[in-house]
């Protein structure tokens, strides 16, 4: 009896196992569709950056008086920024400004940067000199940026500058080349 059960089991397995096998003259069934491959995760953009730049005034119009040319000033700054969205960063720069003739000041420069393109940005900044006299300057600007594979970028920014903190607004046009490291 055991031999009969074993023989029935083997026969059933052979019949059932080959029942769905394709014959040589039949087309093979299409392979089961594989689930779509998941897209690789997007590389996260660096959230933080540090900046070093140098500003100089190209044209200056005092509150009272005639239009003047370059002011022979230089303002090296260093700063830190952090992206709070994919396109908007908060930034704080600080540094001295040296003017030919001996005038020196030190300022904090808080700002908001909108990176609306991979090669261009707009900035809304305030320059807040704390020495020798406190003041506030509006400092909006537009910049161009080129980022290399090593997360280092070169920038060139043009700004309008207007001292508004003492009630005697003036107007200047500045240029600021800089270098940025994102991390």
Protein backbone atom coordinates (compact mmCIF):
# COMPACT_ATOMS: atom_id res chain seq x y z
CA UNK A 1 0.00 0.00 0.00
CA UNK A 2 2.84 2.36 0.76
CA UNK A 3 4.36 1.71 -2.62
CA UNK A 4 1.05 2.52 -4.29
CA UNK A 5 0.71 5.83 -2.46
CA UNK A 6 4.27 6.76 -3.34
CA UNK A 7 3.69 5.91 -6.98
CA UNK A 8 0.48 7.99 -7.06
CA UNK A 9 2.26 10.93 -5.42
CA UNK A 10 5.18 10.83 -7.88
CA UNK A 11 2.80 10.52 -10.85
CA UNK A 12 0.66 13.40 -9.60
CA UNK A 13 3.74 15.58 -9.06
CA UNK A 14 5.01 14.88 -12.56
CA UNK A 15 1.62 15.57 -14.15
CA UNK A 16 0.92 18.70 -12.14
CA UNK A 17 4.49 19.94 -12.46
CA UNK A 18 4.49 19.73 -16.24
CA UNK A 19 0.91 20.83 -16.84
CA UNK A 20 1.85 24.46 -17.12
CA UNK A 21 5.19 24.01 -18.82
CA UNK A 22 5.35 25.42 -22.34
CA UNK A 23 5.86 23.10 -25.22
CA UNK A 24 8.71 23.73 -27.62
CA UNK A 25 6.33 24.85 -30.37
CA UNK A 26 4.48 27.36 -28.13
CA UNK A 27 5.66 30.86 -27.41
CA UNK A 28 6.97 31.32 -23.94
CA UNK A 29 4.76 33.45 -21.74
CA UNK A 30 6.04 37.00 -21.20
CA UNK A 31 8.04 37.42 -18.05
CA UNK A 32 6.22 38.89 -15.12
CA UNK A 33 6.52 42.65 -15.09
CA UNK A 34 9.14 43.74 -12.62
CA UNK A 35 8.17 46.57 -10.36
CA UNK A 36 9.50 49.86 -11.73
CA UNK A 37 12.91 50.70 -10.39
CA UNK A 38 12.71 53.42 -7.83
CA UNK A 39 14.42 56.63 -8.90
CA UNK A 40 17.62 57.16 -7.02
CA UNK A 41 17.13 59.65 -4.22
CA UNK A 42 18.00 63.18 -5.24
CA UNK A 43 21.29 64.34 -3.87
CA UNK A 44 20.58 66.67 -1.02
CA UNK A 45 21.69 70.21 -1.67
CA UNK A 46 24.03 71.60 0.93
CA UNK A 47 22.13 73.61 3.49
CA UNK A 48 24.98 75.74 4.83
CA UNK A 49 27.63 77.90 3.26
CA UNK A 50 30.41 80.28 4.19
CA UNK A 51 31.37 83.27 2.11
CA UNK A 52 34.34 85.60 1.74
CA UNK A 53 33.94 88.69 -0.42
CA UNK A 54 35.25 92.19 -1.04
CA UNK A 55 32.98 95.17 -1.75
CA UNK A 56 33.91 98.48 -3.33
CA UNK A 57 31.83 101.51 -4.34
CA UNK A 58 31.83 102.32 -8.06
CA UNK A 59 29.52 105.37 -8.04
CA UNK A 60 28.26 107.51 -5.17
CA UNK A 61 25.60 110.23 -4.96
CA UNK A 62 25.58 111.96 -1.56
CA UNK A 63 22.32 113.30 -0.09
CA UNK A 64 23.46 116.79 -0.97
CA UNK A 65 26.10 117.36 -3.57
CA UNK A 66 27.16 116.14 -6.95
CA UNK A 67 27.60 112.65 -8.32
CA UNK A 68 30.97 111.17 -7.45
CA UNK A 69 32.89 108.29 -8.93
CA UNK A 70 34.65 105.44 -7.19
CA UNK A 71 35.16 106.03 -3.48
CA UNK A 72 38.47 104.17 -3.18
CA UNK A 73 37.01 101.98 -0.46
CA UNK A 74 37.33 98.29 0.19
CA UNK A 75 35.14 96.19 2.44
CA UNK A 76 36.28 92.62 3.03
CA UNK A 77 33.56 90.49 4.61
CA UNK A 78 33.13 86.95 5.82
CA UNK A 79 29.80 85.35 6.47
CA UNK A 80 27.64 82.32 7.08
CA UNK A 81 24.41 81.39 5.32
CA UNK A 82 21.79 78.69 5.65
CA UNK A 83 19.13 77.68 3.16
CA UNK A 84 15.71 77.59 4.82
CA UNK A 85 14.00 76.39 1.61
CA UNK A 86 15.34 75.07 -1.70
CA UNK A 87 15.72 78.64 -2.98
CA UNK A 88 15.86 81.00 0.02
CA UNK A 89 18.78 81.45 2.40
CA UNK A 90 19.39 83.61 5.44
CA UNK A 91 22.88 85.08 5.65
CA UNK A 92 24.93 87.11 8.10
CA UNK A 93 28.16 88.78 6.99
CA UNK A 94 30.49 90.99 8.94
CA UNK A 95 33.62 92.95 8.28
CA UNK A 96 35.41 96.28 8.17
CA UNK A 97 35.36 98.92 5.47
CA UNK A 98 38.51 100.90 4.75
CA UNK A 99 38.31 104.20 2.87
CA UNK A 100 41.28 105.98 1.36
CA UNK A 101 42.03 108.82 3.73
CA UNK A 102 41.84 106.82 6.94
CA UNK A 103 38.12 106.31 7.58
CA UNK A 104 37.34 102.84 8.87
CA UNK A 105 34.07 101.27 9.97
CA UNK A 106 32.83 97.84 11.00
CA UNK A 107 29.44 96.46 9.95
CA UNK A 108 27.09 93.54 10.32
CA UNK A 109 25.23 92.61 7.13
CA UNK A 110 22.13 90.46 7.64
CA UNK A 111 20.35 89.40 4.48
CA UNK A 112 17.98 87.15 2.60
CA UNK A 113 19.19 85.52 -0.63
CA UNK A 114 16.82 84.16 -3.26
CA UNK A 115 18.53 81.70 -5.62
CA UNK A 116 16.04 81.79 -8.48
CA UNK A 117 18.44 80.10 -10.91
CA UNK A 118 21.51 77.90 -10.66
CA UNK A 119 23.52 80.85 -12.00
CA UNK A 120 21.74 83.93 -10.62
CA UNK A 121 20.34 85.24 -7.36
CA UNK A 122 18.80 88.32 -5.78
CA UNK A 123 19.73 89.56 -2.33
CA UNK A 124 17.98 91.85 0.15
CA UNK A 125 20.52 93.00 2.69
CA UNK A 126 20.92 95.61 5.38
CA UNK A 127 24.33 97.02 6.18
CA UNK A 128 24.49 98.01 9.83
CA UNK A 129 27.74 99.85 10.62
CA UNK A 130 28.39 99.87 14.35
CA UNK A 131 31.54 101.97 14.31
CA UNK A 132 32.26 104.87 14.17
CA UNK A 133 28.52 105.79 14.08
CA UNK A 134 25.57 103.44 13.99
CA UNK A 135 23.51 103.64 10.81
CA UNK A 136 21.41 101.44 8.51
CA UNK A 137 21.90 101.01 4.78
CA UNK A 138 19.50 99.33 2.39
CA UNK A 139 21.66 97.05 0.24
CA UNK A 140 19.58 95.17 -2.38
CA UNK A 141 21.51 93.38 -5.08
CA UNK A 142 21.66 90.99 -7.99
CA UNK A 143 24.40 88.40 -8.41
CA UNK A 144 25.79 85.82 -10.76
CA UNK A 145 27.22 82.57 -9.45
CA UNK A 146 29.19 79.66 -10.88
CA UNK A 147 29.40 76.52 -8.73
CA UNK A 148 32.07 73.90 -9.32
CA UNK A 149 31.83 70.16 -8.53
CA UNK A 150 33.76 70.62 -5.28
CA UNK A 151 30.97 72.87 -3.84
CA UNK A 152 33.07 76.02 -4.28
CA UNK A 153 31.34 78.89 -6.06
CA UNK A 154 32.52 82.20 -7.47
CA UNK A 155 30.10 85.12 -7.27
CA UNK A 156 29.83 88.63 -8.65
CA UNK A 157 27.16 90.83 -7.10
CA UNK A 158 26.09 94.40 -7.87
CA UNK A 159 24.22 96.33 -5.17
CA UNK A 160 22.49 99.63 -4.66
CA UNK A 161 23.38 101.15 -1.30
CA UNK A 162 21.42 103.84 0.51
CA UNK A 163 22.01 105.10 4.04
CA UNK A 164 18.55 105.54 5.56
CA UNK A 165 19.26 105.37 9.28
CA UNK A 166 20.01 109.05 9.86
CA UNK A 167 17.35 110.61 7.66
CA UNK A 168 19.78 111.67 4.93
CA UNK A 169 19.50 109.00 2.23
CA UNK A 170 22.26 108.78 -0.33
CA UNK A 171 22.82 106.37 -3.19
CA UNK A 172 25.76 104.22 -4.19
CA UNK A 173 26.43 101.41 -6.63
CA UNK A 174 28.79 98.72 -5.39
CA UNK A 175 30.35 95.59 -6.82
CA UNK A 176 31.25 92.54 -4.76
CA UNK A 177 33.27 89.58 -6.06
CA UNK A 178 33.27 86.62 -3.69
CA UNK A 179 33.92 82.97 -3.06
CA UNK A 180 31.46 80.58 -1.40
CA UNK A 181 31.92 77.10 0.06
CA UNK A 182 28.75 75.04 0.53
CA UNK A 183 28.53 72.18 3.01
